[in-house]
PDB file of N, CA and C in Angstrom:
ATOM      1  N   UNK A   1     226.540 -27.029 212.135  1.00  0.00           N
ATOM      2  CA  UNK A   1     226.301 -26.099 213.757  1.00  0.00           C
ATOM      3  C   UNK A   1     225.378 -24.941 212.654  1.00  0.00           C
ATOM      4  N   UNK A   2     224.756 -24.132 213.127  1.00  0.00           N
ATOM      5  CA  UNK A   2     223.697 -23.123 212.810  1.00  0.00           C
ATOM      6  C   UNK A   2     223.990 -21.825 212.825  1.00  0.00           C
ATOM      7  N   UNK A   3     223.742 -21.230 212.303  1.00  0.00           N
ATOM      8  CA  UNK A   3     224.296 -20.009 211.632  1.00  0.00           C
ATOM      9  C   UNK A   3     223.501 -18.904 212.638  1.00  0.00           C
ATOM     10  N   UNK A   4     224.169 -17.560 212.707  1.00  0.00           N
ATOM     11  CA  UNK A   4     223.222 -16.513 213.236  1.00  0.00           C
ATOM     12  C   UNK A   4     222.885 -15.464 212.779  1.00  0.00           C
ATOM     13  N   UNK A   5     221.682 -15.587 212.181  1.00  0.00           N
ATOM     14  CA  UNK A   5     221.188 -14.696 210.836  1.00  0.00           C
ATOM     15  C   UNK A   5     220.289 -13.649 211.382  1.00  0.00           C
ATOM     16  N   UNK A   6     220.993 -12.427 211.424  1.00  0.00           N
ATOM     17  CA  UNK A   6     220.064 -10.736 212.042  1.00  0.00           C
ATOM     18  C   UNK A   6     219.128 -10.588 210.687  1.00  0.00           C
ATOM     19  N   UNK A   7     217.875 -10.830 210.740  1.00  0.00           N
ATOM     20  CA  UNK A   7     217.259  -9.784 210.648  1.00  0.00           C
ATOM     21  C   UNK A   7     216.610  -8.004 210.936  1.00  0.00           C
ATOM     22  N   UNK A   8     216.615  -7.717 209.556  1.00  0.00           N
ATOM     23  CA  UNK A   8     216.302  -6.008 209.743  1.00  0.00           C
ATOM     24  C   UNK A   8     214.648  -5.800 210.255  1.00  0.00           C
ATOM     25  N   UNK A   9     214.607  -4.732 211.165  1.00  0.00           N
ATOM     26  CA  UNK A   9     213.339  -5.104 211.286  1.00  0.00           C
ATOM     27  C   UNK A   9     212.731  -3.842 210.513  1.00  0.00           C
ATOM     28  N   UNK A  10     211.749  -3.679 209.727  1.00  0.00           N
ATOM     29  CA  UNK A  10     210.832  -2.524 208.988  1.00  0.00           C
ATOM     30  C   UNK A  10     210.766  -1.475 209.880  1.00  0.00           C
ATOM     31  N   UNK A  11     211.119  -0.238 209.358  1.00  0.00           N
ATOM     32  CA  UNK A  11     210.394   1.212 210.140  1.00  0.00           C
ATOM     33  C   UNK A  11     209.498   1.199 210.609  1.00  0.00           C
ATOM     34  N   UNK A  12     208.296   0.844 210.280  1.00  0.00           N
ATOM     35  CA  UNK A  12     206.634   0.995 210.576  1.00  0.00           C
ATOM     36  C   UNK A  12     205.996   0.011 212.047  1.00  0.00           C
ATOM     37  N   UNK A  13     207.488  -0.939 211.982  1.00  0.00           N
ATOM     38  CA  UNK A  13     207.327  -1.576 212.980  1.00  0.00           C
ATOM     39  C   UNK A  13     207.685  -1.120 214.414  1.00  0.00           C
ATOM     40  N   UNK A  14     208.997  -0.774 214.615  1.00  0.00           N
ATOM     41  CA  UNK A  14     209.418  -0.047 215.546  1.00  0.00           C
ATOM     42  C   UNK A  14     208.331   0.159 216.850  1.00  0.00           C
ATOM     43  N   UNK A  15     207.259   1.493 216.219  1.00  0.00           N
ATOM     44  CA  UNK A  15     206.896   1.859 216.861  1.00  0.00           C
ATOM     45  C   UNK A  15     205.854   0.877 217.990  1.00  0.00           C
ATOM     46  N   UNK A  16     204.900  -0.398 216.723  1.00  0.00           N
ATOM     47  CA  UNK A  16     204.344  -0.757 217.443  1.00  0.00           C
ATOM     48  C   UNK A  16     204.814  -1.404 218.623  1.00  0.00           C
ATOM     49  N   UNK A  17     205.555  -2.574 218.234  1.00  0.00           N
ATOM     50  CA  UNK A  17     207.139  -3.047 219.262  1.00  0.00           C
ATOM     51  C   UNK A  17     207.020  -2.129 220.168  1.00  0.00           C
ATOM     52  N   UNK A  18     207.418  -1.479 220.554  1.00  0.00           N
ATOM     53  CA  UNK A  18     207.613  -0.002 221.740  1.00  0.00           C
ATOM     54  C   UNK A  18     206.271  -0.452 222.461  1.00  0.00           C
ATOM     55  N   UNK A  19     205.436  -0.370 221.521  1.00  0.00           N
ATOM     56  CA  UNK A  19     204.176   0.263 222.683  1.00  0.00           C
ATOM     57  C   UNK A  19     203.577  -0.700 223.084  1.00  0.00           C
ATOM     58  N   UNK A  20     203.687  -2.281 222.624  1.00  0.00           N
ATOM     59  CA  UNK A  20     203.803  -3.138 222.948  1.00  0.00           C
ATOM     60  C   UNK A  20     204.531  -4.142 224.099  1.00  0.00           C
ATOM     61  N   UNK A  21     205.280  -3.616 224.142  1.00  0.00           N
ATOM     62  CA  UNK A  21     206.879  -3.877 225.173  1.00  0.00           C
ATOM     63  C   UNK A  21     206.688  -3.044 226.335  1.00  0.00           C
ATOM     64  N   UNK A  22     206.438  -1.690 225.707  1.00  0.00           N
ATOM     65  CA  UNK A  22     206.087  -0.568 227.302  1.00  0.00           C
ATOM     66  C   UNK A  22     205.098   0.284 227.403  1.00  0.00           C
ATOM     67  N   UNK A  23     203.795  -0.008 226.779  1.00  0.00           N
ATOM     68  CA  UNK A  23     202.700   0.580 226.749  1.00  0.00           C
ATOM     69  C   UNK A  23     201.961   0.779 228.269  1.00  0.00           C
ATOM     70  N   UNK A  24     201.692  -0.635 228.429  1.00  0.00           N
ATOM     71  CA  UNK A  24     201.229  -1.369 229.806  1.00  0.00           C
ATOM     72  C   UNK A  24     201.701  -0.859 231.420  1.00  0.00           C
ATOM     73  N   UNK A  25     203.247  -1.029 231.149  1.00  0.00           N
ATOM     74  CA  UNK A  25     204.353   0.001 232.197  1.00  0.00           C
ATOM     75  C   UNK A  25     203.720   1.124 232.229  1.00  0.00           C
ATOM     76  N   UNK A  26     204.177   2.083 231.436  1.00  0.00           N
ATOM     77  CA  UNK A  26     204.448   3.296 231.942  1.00  0.00           C
ATOM     78  C   UNK A  26     202.735   3.744 231.787  1.00  0.00           C
ATOM     79  N   UNK A  27     201.419   3.288 231.060  1.00  0.00           N
ATOM     80  CA  UNK A  27     200.536   3.137 231.852  1.00  0.00           C
ATOM     81  C   UNK A  27     200.616   3.461 233.356  1.00  0.00           C
ATOM     82  N   UNK A  28     201.024   2.088 233.972  1.00  0.00           N
ATOM     83  CA  UNK A  28     200.878   1.802 235.219  1.00  0.00           C
ATOM     84  C   UNK A  28     201.822   2.760 236.218  1.00  0.00           C
ATOM     85  N   UNK A  29     202.887   3.164 235.904  1.00  0.00           N
ATOM     86  CA  UNK A  29     203.810   4.112 236.235  1.00  0.00           C
ATOM     87  C   UNK A  29     203.270   5.953 236.387  1.00  0.00           C
ATOM     88  N   UNK A  30     202.123   6.207 235.307  1.00  0.00           N
ATOM     89  CA  UNK A  30     201.560   7.862 234.681  1.00  0.00           C
ATOM     90  C   UNK A  30     200.133   7.537 235.909  1.00  0.00           C
ATOM     91  N   UNK A  31     199.334   6.502 235.993  1.00  0.00           N
ATOM     92  CA  UNK A  31     198.499   6.461 237.361  1.00  0.00           C
ATOM     93  C   UNK A  31     199.173   6.617 238.366  1.00  0.00           C
ATOM     94  N   UNK A  32     199.999   5.377 238.373  1.00  0.00           N
ATOM     95  CA  UNK A  32     200.779   6.280 240.131  1.00  0.00           C
ATOM     96  C   UNK A  32     201.138   6.674 240.509  1.00  0.00           C
ATOM     97  N   UNK A  33     201.859   7.858 239.401  1.00  0.00           N
ATOM     98  CA  UNK A  33     202.403   9.091 239.979  1.00  0.00           C
ATOM     99  C   UNK A  33     201.418  10.094 239.902  1.00  0.00           C
ATOM    100  N   UNK A  34     200.433  10.495 238.930  1.00  0.00           N
ATOM    101  CA  UNK A  34     198.822  10.812 239.135  1.00  0.00           C
ATOM    102  C   UNK A  34     198.779  10.611 240.547  1.00  0.00           C
ATOM    103  N   UNK A  35     198.121   9.622 241.004  1.00  0.00           N
ATOM    104  CA  UNK A  35     197.796   9.288 242.233  1.00  0.00           C
ATOM    105  C   UNK A  35     198.360  10.269 243.267  1.00  0.00           C
ATOM    106  N   UNK A  36     199.879   9.675 243.047  1.00  0.00           N
ATOM    107  CA  UNK A  36     200.573  10.031 244.288  1.00  0.00           C
ATOM    108  C   UNK A  36     201.007  11.608 244.273  1.00  0.00           C
ATOM    109  N   UNK A  37     200.702  12.786 242.999  1.00  0.00           N
ATOM    110  CA  UNK A  37     200.344  14.094 243.064  1.00  0.00           C
ATOM    111  C   UNK A  37     199.369  14.403 243.682  1.00  0.00           C
ATOM    112  N   UNK A  38     198.203  13.799 243.262  1.00  0.00           N
ATOM    113  CA  UNK A  38     197.151  14.462 244.063  1.00  0.00           C
ATOM    114  C   UNK A  38     197.051  14.226 245.465  1.00  0.00           C
ATOM    115  N   UNK A  39     197.603  12.757 245.809  1.00  0.00           N
ATOM    116  CA  UNK A  39     197.909  12.566 247.184  1.00  0.00           C
ATOM    117  C   UNK A  39     198.732  13.854 248.267  1.00  0.00           C
ATOM    118  N   UNK A  40     199.268  13.944 247.392  1.00  0.00           N
ATOM    119  CA  UNK A  40     200.534  15.290 248.048  1.00  0.00           C
ATOM    120  C   UNK A  40     199.798  16.377 247.890  1.00  0.00           C
ATOM    121  N   UNK A  41     199.238  16.695 247.216  1.00  0.00           N
ATOM    122  CA  UNK A  41     198.974  18.226 246.725  1.00  0.00           C
ATOM    123  C   UNK A  41     197.190  18.382 247.358  1.00  0.00           C
ATOM    124  N   UNK A  42     197.019  17.340 247.866  1.00  0.00           N
ATOM    125  CA  UNK A  42     195.168  16.978 248.406  1.00  0.00           C
ATOM    126  C   UNK A  42     195.394  18.473 249.582  1.00  0.00           C
ATOM    127  N   UNK A  43     196.158  18.522 250.804  1.00  0.00           N
ATOM    128  CA  UNK A  43     195.845  19.574 251.699  1.00  0.00           C
ATOM    129  C   UNK A  43     196.341  21.204 251.110  1.00  0.00           C
ATOM    130  N   UNK A  44     196.135  21.135 250.010  1.00  0.00           N
ATOM    131  CA  UNK A  44     196.249  22.708 249.307  1.00  0.00           C
ATOM    132  C   UNK A  44     194.968  22.976 248.635  1.00  0.00           C
ATOM    133  N   UNK A  45     194.705  24.476 249.519  1.00  0.00           N
ATOM    134  CA  UNK A  45     193.144  24.637 248.868  1.00  0.00           C
ATOM    135  C   UNK A  45     192.486  24.604 247.425  1.00  0.00           C
ATOM    136  N   UNK A  46     194.031  25.581 246.626  1.00  0.00           N
ATOM    137  CA  UNK A  46     193.734  25.042 245.457  1.00  0.00           C
ATOM    138  C   UNK A  46     193.255  24.019 244.477  1.00  0.00           C
ATOM    139  N   UNK A  47     193.826  23.021 245.013  1.00  0.00           N
ATOM    140  CA  UNK A  47     193.871  21.385 244.435  1.00  0.00           C
ATOM    141  C   UNK A  47     192.469  20.975 244.484  1.00  0.00           C
ATOM    142  N   UNK A  48     192.043  21.515 246.277  1.00  0.00           N
ATOM    143  CA  UNK A  48     190.966  20.768 246.810  1.00  0.00           C
ATOM    144  C   UNK A  48     189.641  21.751 246.172  1.00  0.00           C
ATOM    145  N   UNK A  49     190.077  23.180 245.833  1.00  0.00           N
ATOM    146  CA  UNK A  49     188.517  23.525 245.546  1.00  0.00           C
ATOM    147  C   UNK A  49     188.899  23.415 243.382  1.00  0.00           C
ATOM    148  N   UNK A  50     189.470  23.592 242.958  1.00  0.00           N
ATOM    149  CA  UNK A  50     189.552  23.212 241.772  1.00  0.00           C
ATOM    150  C   UNK A  50     189.401  21.840 241.298  1.00  0.00           C
ATOM    151  N   UNK A  51     190.123  20.707 241.970  1.00  0.00           N
ATOM    152  CA  UNK A  51     189.912  19.361 241.102  1.00  0.00           C
ATOM    153  C   UNK A  51     188.843  18.746 242.278  1.00  0.00           C
ATOM    154  N   UNK A  52     189.315  18.239 243.639  1.00  0.00           N
ATOM    155  CA  UNK A  52     188.795  17.342 244.071  1.00  0.00           C
ATOM    156  C   UNK A  52     187.506  17.511 244.503  1.00  0.00           C
ATOM    157  N   UNK A  53     187.049  18.662 244.591  1.00  0.00           N
ATOM    158  CA  UNK A  53     185.662  18.823 245.212  1.00  0.00           C
ATOM    159  C   UNK A  53     184.639  18.947 243.743  1.00  0.00           C
ATOM    160  N   UNK A  54     185.060  18.728 242.604  1.00  0.00           N
ATOM    161  CA  UNK A  54     184.063  18.669 241.063  1.00  0.00           C
ATOM    162  C   UNK A  54     184.684  17.164 241.178  1.00  0.00           C
ATOM    163  N   UNK A  55     184.994  16.243 241.591  1.00  0.00           N
ATOM    164  CA  UNK A  55     184.865  15.283 241.617  1.00  0.00           C
ATOM    165  C   UNK A  55     183.303  14.468 241.825  1.00  0.00           C
ATOM    166  N   UNK A  56     182.537  13.769 240.637  1.00  0.00           N
ATOM    167  CA  UNK A  56     181.161  13.425 241.239  1.00  0.00           C
ATOM    168  C   UNK A  56     180.867  12.243 241.822  1.00  0.00           C
ATOM    169  N   UNK A  57     181.595  11.602 242.461  1.00  0.00           N
ATOM    170  CA  UNK A  57     181.448  10.924 243.145  1.00  0.00           C
ATOM    171  C   UNK A  57     181.837  10.923 244.775  1.00  0.00           C
ATOM    172  N   UNK A  58     182.870  11.261 244.908  1.00  0.00           N
ATOM    173  CA  UNK A  58     183.520  11.646 245.626  1.00  0.00           C
ATOM    174  C   UNK A  58     183.893  12.865 246.530  1.00  0.00           C
ATOM    175  N   UNK A  59     183.662  14.250 246.157  1.00  0.00           N
ATOM    176  CA  UNK A  59     183.893  15.376 245.667  1.00  0.00           C
ATOM    177  C   UNK A  59     182.983  16.204 247.119  1.00  0.00           C
ATOM    178  N   UNK A  60     181.844  15.453 247.739  1.00  0.00           N
ATOM    179  CA  UNK A  60     181.783  16.397 249.100  1.00  0.00           C
ATOM    180  C   UNK A  60     182.233  16.004 249.954  1.00  0.00           C
ATOM    181  N   UNK A  61     183.303  15.029 249.769  1.00  0.00           N
ATOM    182  CA  UNK A  61     184.474  14.597 251.127  1.00  0.00           C
ATOM    183  C   UNK A  61     185.107  15.955 251.145  1.00  0.00           C
ATOM    184  N   UNK A  62     185.608  16.769 250.048  1.00  0.00           N
ATOM    185  CA  UNK A  62     186.743  17.741 249.962  1.00  0.00           C
ATOM    186  C   UNK A  62     185.918  19.041 250.008  1.00  0.00           C
ATOM    187  N   UNK A  63     184.698  19.241 249.679  1.00  0.00           N
ATOM    188  CA  UNK A  63     184.267  20.464 249.853  1.00  0.00           C
ATOM    189  C   UNK A  63     183.792  21.477 251.208  1.00  0.00           C
ATOM    190  N   UNK A  64     184.525  22.332 251.346  1.00  0.00           N
ATOM    191  CA  UNK A  64     184.345  23.771 252.458  1.00  0.00           C
ATOM    192  C   UNK A  64     183.065  22.961 253.060  1.00  0.00           C
ATOM    193  N   UNK A  65     182.825  22.983 254.279  1.00  0.00           N
ATOM    194  CA  UNK A  65     181.711  23.593 254.748  1.00  0.00           C
ATOM    195  C   UNK A  65     181.413  24.581 255.470  1.00  0.00           C
ATOM    196  N   UNK A  66     182.411  24.792 255.979  1.00  0.00           N
ATOM    197  CA  UNK A  66     182.572  25.318 257.153  1.00  0.00           C
ATOM    198  C   UNK A  66     182.297  27.260 256.960  1.00  0.00           C
ATOM    199  N   UNK A  67     181.273  27.467 258.030  1.00  0.00           N
ATOM    200  CA  UNK A  67     180.414  28.414 257.669  1.00  0.00           C
ATOM    201  C   UNK A  67     181.829  29.966 257.319  1.00  0.00           C
ATOM    202  N   UNK A  68     181.281  30.464 256.765  1.00  0.00           N
ATOM    203  CA  UNK A  68     182.071  32.053 256.370  1.00  0.00           C
ATOM    204  C   UNK A  68     182.428  33.091 257.964  1.00  0.00           C
ATOM    205  N   UNK A  69     181.711  32.678 258.729  1.00  0.00           N
ATOM    206  CA  UNK A  69     181.932  33.159 260.112  1.00  0.00           C
ATOM    207  C   UNK A  69     183.400  32.693 261.069  1.00  0.00           C
ATOM    208  N   UNK A  70     183.555  31.525 260.805  1.00  0.00           N
ATOM    209  CA  UNK A  70     185.125  30.843 261.308  1.00  0.00           C
ATOM    210  C   UNK A  70     185.782  30.611 260.843  1.00  0.00           C
ATOM    211  N   UNK A  71     185.926  31.329 259.270  1.00  0.00           N
ATOM    212  CA  UNK A  71     187.272  31.275 258.769  1.00  0.00           C
ATOM    213  C   UNK A  71     188.229  32.373 259.056  1.00  0.00           C
ATOM    214  N   UNK A  72     189.391  32.159 259.716  1.00  0.00           N
ATOM    215  CA  UNK A  72     190.101  33.645 259.977  1.00  0.00           C
ATOM    216  C   UNK A  72     190.224  34.469 259.052  1.00  0.00           C
ATOM    217  N   UNK A  73     190.088  34.166 257.491  1.00  0.00           N
ATOM    218  CA  UNK A  73     190.839  35.226 256.651  1.00  0.00           C
ATOM    219  C   UNK A  73     189.839  35.528 255.857  1.00  0.00           C
TER     220      UNK A  73
END
């Protein structure tokens, strides 16, 4: 009958194991959360002017092209 032998993991290998195990999952959840926040906040003028209109390829989609005479405020 075989015995169960527990081996102690060295302290310097714990962060490496944690990163290998959870890094990809945490990265995907972080990207998904960031995209969701930008989607929800894309209707606010601060996010449109400060971030979305300055994106290199698709920034013109959010650029404000309304003439000043048509803006109520």
